[in-house]
């Protein structure tokens, strides 16, 4: 029994060293573990792992320190959402503002989707990646023309490319 416990502890220590090495080298945790993770600059916190069937969501933020925004991608459909914190002028309590979704950020072909953030500090969007096909698109919030005039901020994505 003692040997089994020691063996399990040594295996955990070995895994931790590999994860620490990957973080020091700036490699995404997903490369080392085969799971889903956000490649968030120097962040070493893994993203929550979605269920094995691909159903669920992955959450992440862009690298810009000026962006007060969180994105989510449905790991099965690729549908992208974005929300941010705002505190209206004169209000003591803030609100969560979620943006409407343009058709380009809607569900795509069935697959296994993940989200990757670049290391470019000025970037306010994220990459939506189809792990099965390798197709990628950049998703971000942009002012879009409204029917009848004016503009409205909405989540948009570029066409998938490889």
Protein backbone atom coordinates (compact mmCIF):
# COMPACT_ATOMS: atom_id res chain seq x y z
CA UNK A 1 0.00 0.00 0.00
CA UNK A 2 2.83 2.40 0.87
CA UNK A 3 4.54 1.69 -2.47
CA UNK A 4 1.32 2.49 -4.36
CA UNK A 5 0.91 5.81 -2.54
CA UNK A 6 4.55 6.72 -3.14
CA UNK A 7 4.23 5.79 -6.81
CA UNK A 8 1.12 7.96 -7.21
CA UNK A 9 2.82 10.88 -5.47
CA UNK A 10 5.91 10.57 -7.67
CA UNK A 11 3.71 10.47 -10.80
CA UNK A 12 1.91 13.67 -9.67
CA UNK A 13 5.24 15.37 -8.95
CA UNK A 14 6.51 14.32 -12.39
CA UNK A 15 3.35 15.72 -14.06
CA UNK A 16 3.65 19.00 -12.15
CA UNK A 17 7.29 19.39 -13.29
CA UNK A 18 6.25 18.90 -16.93
CA UNK A 19 3.43 21.41 -16.61
CA UNK A 20 5.78 23.91 -14.93
CA UNK A 21 8.31 23.40 -17.74
CA UNK A 22 5.63 23.96 -20.38
CA UNK A 23 4.53 27.14 -18.62
CA UNK A 24 8.12 28.39 -18.40
CA UNK A 25 8.54 27.78 -22.11
CA UNK A 26 5.23 29.50 -22.84
CA UNK A 27 3.64 26.37 -24.32
CA UNK A 28 -0.13 25.98 -24.07
CA UNK A 29 -1.15 23.49 -21.40
CA UNK A 30 -3.20 21.68 -24.03
CA UNK A 31 0.02 20.70 -25.85
CA UNK A 32 1.35 19.01 -22.74
CA UNK A 33 -1.85 17.42 -21.49
CA UNK A 34 -3.80 16.72 -24.67
CA UNK A 35 -6.76 18.56 -23.11
CA UNK A 36 -8.40 21.91 -23.67
CA UNK A 37 -6.60 24.97 -22.28
CA UNK A 38 -6.25 28.63 -22.99
CA UNK A 39 -2.92 29.80 -24.33
CA UNK A 40 -3.06 33.04 -22.37
CA UNK A 41 0.36 34.65 -22.50
CA UNK A 42 2.11 33.88 -19.22
CA UNK A 43 -0.98 32.42 -17.57
CA UNK A 44 -0.47 28.94 -16.20
CA UNK A 45 -4.06 28.39 -15.07
CA UNK A 46 -5.72 25.70 -17.17
CA UNK A 47 -9.19 26.30 -18.53
CA UNK A 48 -11.99 24.07 -17.32
CA UNK A 49 -11.90 20.88 -19.38
CA UNK A 50 -15.13 20.39 -21.34
CA UNK A 51 -16.82 17.00 -21.34
CA UNK A 52 -15.24 14.39 -23.63
CA UNK A 53 -18.22 14.47 -26.01
CA UNK A 54 -17.40 18.08 -26.92
CA UNK A 55 -20.52 19.53 -25.28
CA UNK A 56 -19.94 22.52 -23.04
CA UNK A 57 -18.10 25.82 -23.20
CA UNK A 58 -14.56 27.14 -23.05
CA UNK A 59 -14.01 30.63 -21.63
CA UNK A 60 -11.19 33.06 -22.23
CA UNK A 61 -10.16 36.67 -22.47
CA UNK A 62 -8.00 38.57 -24.94
CA UNK A 63 -4.47 39.56 -23.86
CA UNK A 64 -5.16 43.32 -23.91
CA UNK A 65 -5.02 44.80 -20.42
CA UNK A 66 -7.51 47.39 -21.67
CA UNK A 67 -10.14 44.81 -22.60
CA UNK A 68 -12.69 44.12 -19.88
CA UNK A 69 -14.22 41.24 -21.78
CA UNK A 70 -14.75 37.49 -21.50
CA UNK A 71 -15.48 35.26 -24.48
CA UNK A 72 -17.06 31.82 -24.56
CA UNK A 73 -17.15 29.24 -27.33
CA UNK A 74 -19.51 26.29 -27.48
CA UNK A 75 -17.11 23.35 -27.84
CA UNK A 76 -19.51 21.44 -30.10
CA UNK A 77 -20.98 24.12 -32.39
CA UNK A 78 -18.32 26.87 -32.27
CA UNK A 79 -20.89 29.53 -31.34
CA UNK A 80 -19.08 32.51 -29.73
CA UNK A 81 -20.40 34.94 -27.11
CA UNK A 82 -18.82 37.90 -25.36
CA UNK A 83 -19.70 39.82 -22.20
CA UNK A 84 -18.06 42.55 -20.17
CA UNK A 85 -18.45 44.35 -16.86
CA UNK A 86 -19.75 47.91 -16.88
CA UNK A 87 -20.66 50.33 -14.13
CA UNK A 88 -23.12 52.94 -15.39
CA UNK A 89 -22.36 56.57 -14.48
CA UNK A 90 -23.62 57.33 -10.97
CA UNK A 91 -24.39 53.66 -10.21
CA UNK A 92 -22.94 51.87 -7.20
CA UNK A 93 -23.54 48.41 -8.68
CA UNK A 94 -22.17 47.25 -12.00
CA UNK A 95 -23.86 45.20 -14.71
CA UNK A 96 -22.83 42.37 -17.00
CA UNK A 97 -23.29 43.48 -20.60
CA UNK A 98 -23.45 40.70 -23.17
CA UNK A 99 -23.24 41.58 -26.84
CA UNK A 100 -25.58 40.32 -29.54
CA UNK A 101 -24.06 37.80 -31.94
CA UNK A 102 -23.60 38.41 -35.66
CA UNK A 103 -24.38 35.39 -37.87
CA UNK A 104 -20.61 34.93 -38.36
CA UNK A 105 -20.25 34.16 -34.63
CA UNK A 106 -23.16 31.72 -34.66
CA UNK A 107 -23.01 27.93 -34.78
CA UNK A 108 -20.75 26.42 -37.41
CA UNK A 109 -20.11 22.91 -38.60
CA UNK A 110 -20.12 20.30 -35.88
CA UNK A 111 -16.66 19.76 -34.43
CA UNK A 112 -14.55 20.17 -31.33
CA UNK A 113 -13.85 23.85 -30.76
CA UNK A 114 -11.39 25.55 -28.47
CA UNK A 115 -10.34 29.14 -27.92
CA UNK A 116 -6.81 30.51 -28.15
CA UNK A 117 -5.59 33.95 -27.21
CA UNK A 118 -2.54 35.47 -28.87
CA UNK A 119 0.28 37.14 -26.96
CA UNK A 120 -0.23 40.43 -28.82
CA UNK A 121 -0.95 42.86 -25.99
CA UNK A 122 -3.16 45.12 -28.10
CA UNK A 123 -5.46 42.32 -29.26
CA UNK A 124 -9.07 42.47 -28.05
CA UNK A 125 -10.30 39.34 -29.86
CA UNK A 126 -9.65 35.61 -29.61
CA UNK A 127 -9.17 32.74 -32.07
CA UNK A 128 -11.94 30.15 -32.43
CA UNK A 129 -10.24 26.89 -33.42
CA UNK A 130 -11.86 23.73 -34.76
CA UNK A 131 -9.54 21.07 -33.33
CA UNK A 132 -10.84 18.40 -35.74
CA UNK A 133 -10.23 20.33 -38.96
CA UNK A 134 -7.62 22.91 -37.95
CA UNK A 135 -9.82 25.74 -39.22
CA UNK A 136 -9.41 29.04 -37.35
CA UNK A 137 -11.25 32.33 -37.24
CA UNK A 138 -10.74 35.49 -35.21
CA UNK A 139 -13.69 36.66 -33.13
CA UNK A 140 -14.07 40.13 -31.64
CA UNK A 141 -16.62 42.80 -30.76
CA UNK A 142 -17.23 45.44 -33.43
CA UNK A 143 -19.71 48.26 -34.03
CA UNK A 144 -22.03 46.97 -36.75
CA UNK A 145 -24.58 49.04 -38.71
CA UNK A 146 -28.13 48.69 -37.44
CA UNK A 147 -31.15 48.48 -39.68
CA UNK A 148 -32.64 51.96 -39.76
CA UNK A 149 -29.32 53.68 -38.98
CA UNK A 150 -26.84 53.87 -36.17
CA UNK A 151 -24.52 51.16 -34.94
CA UNK A 152 -24.62 48.41 -32.32
CA UNK A 153 -21.66 46.51 -30.85
CA UNK A 154 -21.85 42.81 -31.79
CA UNK A 155 -19.67 39.70 -31.69
CA UNK A 156 -18.31 38.99 -35.18
CA UNK A 157 -15.90 36.36 -36.52
CA UNK A 158 -13.81 36.12 -39.66
CA UNK A 159 -14.48 33.27 -42.07
CA UNK A 160 -12.77 30.02 -41.01
CA UNK A 161 -9.41 29.45 -42.70
CA UNK A 162 -6.44 27.07 -42.49
